[in-house]
Protein backbone atom coordinates (compact mmCIF):
# COMPACT_ATOMS: atom_id res chain seq x y z
CA MET A 1 -16.51 -52.23 17.94
CA LYS A 2 -13.81 -51.54 19.69
CA GLU A 3 -10.15 -50.57 17.89
CA GLN A 4 -7.30 -52.91 18.94
CA LYS A 5 -3.92 -51.20 20.24
CA LYS A 6 -1.05 -52.50 18.39
CA PRO A 7 1.76 -54.06 20.67
CA ASN A 8 4.42 -51.04 19.92
CA GLU A 9 1.89 -48.46 19.57
CA LYS A 10 1.82 -45.60 22.41
CA LYS A 11 -0.72 -43.07 23.88
CA GLN A 12 -0.03 -39.61 22.08
CA THR A 13 0.67 -36.99 25.17
CA SER A 14 0.05 -33.44 25.13
CA THR A 15 3.51 -33.00 24.80
CA GLN A 16 3.77 -34.50 21.60
CA SER A 17 0.69 -32.79 20.13
CA GLY A 18 2.58 -29.54 21.01
CA ASP A 19 5.62 -30.54 19.47
CA ILE A 20 3.43 -31.53 16.32
CA ILE A 21 1.76 -28.37 16.10
CA ASP A 22 5.12 -26.37 16.93
CA GLN A 23 6.79 -28.34 13.27
CA ILE A 24 3.28 -27.33 11.41
CA VAL A 25 3.57 -23.93 12.59
CA GLU A 26 6.57 -23.62 11.85
CA GLN A 27 7.05 -25.55 8.48
CA SER A 28 4.56 -22.79 7.57
CA VAL A 29 6.11 -19.86 8.68
CA LYS A 30 9.41 -21.33 6.37
CA GLU A 31 6.95 -21.33 3.30
CA HIS A 32 5.32 -17.74 3.80
CA ALA A 33 9.06 -16.27 4.46
CA GLN A 34 10.16 -18.30 0.69
CA LYS A 35 7.45 -16.62 -0.90
CA GLY A 36 8.68 -13.38 0.39
CA GLU A 37 5.41 -12.81 2.24
CA PHE A 38 7.04 -11.21 5.04
CA LYS A 39 8.74 -8.45 3.68
CA HIS A 40 6.54 -5.80 3.78
CA LEU A 41 6.01 -5.66 7.51
CA SER A 42 7.02 -2.67 9.63
CA GLY A 43 10.03 -3.21 11.21
CA MET A 44 11.79 -5.92 8.98
CA GLY A 45 15.36 -6.14 9.57
CA LYS A 46 15.39 -3.80 12.53
CA PRO A 47 15.93 -4.99 15.85
CA ILE A 48 13.44 -6.06 18.39
CA PRO A 49 12.01 -3.26 20.68
CA PRO A 50 13.19 -4.09 24.50
CA LYS A 51 9.79 -3.77 25.52
CA ASN A 52 8.65 -6.51 23.45
CA LEU A 53 11.19 -9.14 24.91
CA LYS A 54 9.53 -8.41 28.69
CA GLY A 55 6.99 -10.75 30.06
CA ASP A 56 5.68 -13.64 27.79
CA ALA A 57 4.54 -13.12 24.43
CA PHE A 58 0.22 -13.93 25.04
CA SER A 59 0.18 -11.12 27.97
CA ASN A 60 1.98 -8.59 25.13
CA ILE A 61 -0.62 -9.74 22.59
CA LEU A 62 -3.30 -8.86 24.96
CA LYS A 63 -2.02 -5.62 25.73
CA ASN A 64 -1.43 -4.28 22.57
CA ALA A 65 -4.79 -5.77 21.55
CA ASN A 66 -6.55 -3.43 24.72
CA TYR A 67 -8.05 -6.49 26.20
CA LYS A 68 -9.10 -7.04 29.70
CA PRO A 69 -9.69 -9.97 31.18
CA PRO A 70 -13.35 -10.04 32.94
CA TRP A 71 -11.94 -9.92 36.35
CA VAL A 72 -9.97 -7.13 35.63
CA GLU A 73 -12.59 -5.15 33.87
CA LEU A 74 -14.71 -6.05 37.11
CA GLN A 75 -12.20 -4.75 39.35
CA HIS A 76 -12.24 -1.52 37.37
CA GLN A 77 -16.31 -1.10 37.99
CA ILE A 78 -15.77 -2.29 42.10
CA ARG A 79 -13.36 1.09 42.30
CA ASP A 80 -15.74 2.90 40.58
CA HIS A 81 -18.59 2.04 42.84
CA ILE A 82 -16.57 2.92 45.61
CA ARG A 83 -15.59 6.06 45.00
CA GLU A 84 -19.12 6.88 44.18
CA ALA A 85 -20.14 5.49 47.44
CA GLN A 86 -17.73 7.25 49.10
CA GLN A 87 -18.65 11.01 47.52
CA GLN A 88 -22.41 9.83 48.70
CA LEU A 89 -21.57 9.36 52.33
CA HIS A 90 -19.42 12.79 52.68
CA GLU A 91 -21.96 14.51 50.84
CA GLU A 92 -25.40 13.21 52.25
CA PRO A 93 -25.74 9.72 54.34
CA SER A 94 -28.52 7.97 53.92
CA PRO A 95 -30.18 5.04 54.46
CA ALA A 96 -29.89 3.49 50.97
CA ASP A 97 -25.91 3.57 51.84
CA HIS A 98 -25.56 -0.03 53.35
CA GLU A 99 -27.83 -1.35 50.23
CA GLN A 100 -25.00 0.37 47.83
CA ILE A 101 -22.66 -1.48 50.10
CA ASP A 102 -24.12 -4.68 50.00
CA THR A 103 -23.75 -3.97 45.85
CA ILE A 104 -20.42 -3.59 46.31
CA ASN A 105 -20.01 -6.66 48.33
CA ARG A 106 -21.41 -8.60 46.05
CA MET A 107 -19.60 -7.41 43.05
CA ILE A 108 -16.25 -8.41 45.54
CA ARG A 109 -17.27 -11.68 46.27
CA LYS A 110 -17.57 -12.61 42.10
CA TYR A 111 -14.22 -10.70 42.09
CA ASN A 112 -12.36 -12.66 44.21
CA GLN A 113 -13.89 -16.03 42.64
CA MET A 114 -12.80 -14.73 39.04
CA CYS A 115 -9.35 -13.48 39.50
CA PRO A 116 -6.54 -16.10 38.85
CA HIS A 117 -4.78 -16.19 42.02
CA PRO A 118 -5.88 -15.83 45.91
CA SER A 119 -3.23 -13.09 46.71
CA LEU A 120 -5.18 -11.09 44.23
CA GLN A 121 -8.23 -11.21 46.39
CA LYS A 122 -9.56 -8.35 48.48
CA GLY A 123 -11.66 -8.05 51.47
CA LEU A 124 -15.10 -6.87 51.70
CA VAL A 125 -16.21 -3.21 52.32
CA SER A 126 -17.99 -1.39 55.35
CA ILE A 127 -19.14 2.58 55.62
CA ASP A 128 -16.62 2.51 58.58
CA ASN A 129 -13.67 1.58 55.70
CA LEU A 130 -14.70 2.83 52.69
CA ASP A 131 -11.21 5.12 52.56
CA VAL A 132 -9.40 2.21 53.04
CA ALA A 133 -11.14 0.02 50.51
CA LEU A 134 -10.76 3.04 47.72
CA GLN A 135 -6.96 3.27 48.33
CA ARG A 136 -6.86 -0.88 47.72
CA TRP A 137 -8.55 -0.61 44.94
CA GLU A 138 -7.21 2.09 43.06
């Protein structure tokens, strides 16, 4: 059975939902503050360090927790693979070098799909441009 909509009833928007969540969080913080549950925190009564005021709070929390998004971890893996391929080419070139380049390029394609902005995407590598590629990935 379909629920009847009242004539003056409006659909709740995401902004209104966000306002409700903000109100709930604010009320909870006030209750804990009234109970004195924040008095034991280090830094209580001290100014907020300027480094904590830069950027957005979410990014700072992730950075402080040493969290790296999967695309950043993949970026580091690609850099390490390029470095390894470059060292092997300088030591002793072999037919397996092309397979290694193909593997790196598959990783780069995956990275390009994962990274959050097109400006962060990077080009594929070849045996001829490994030195330049390594500089781009470091």
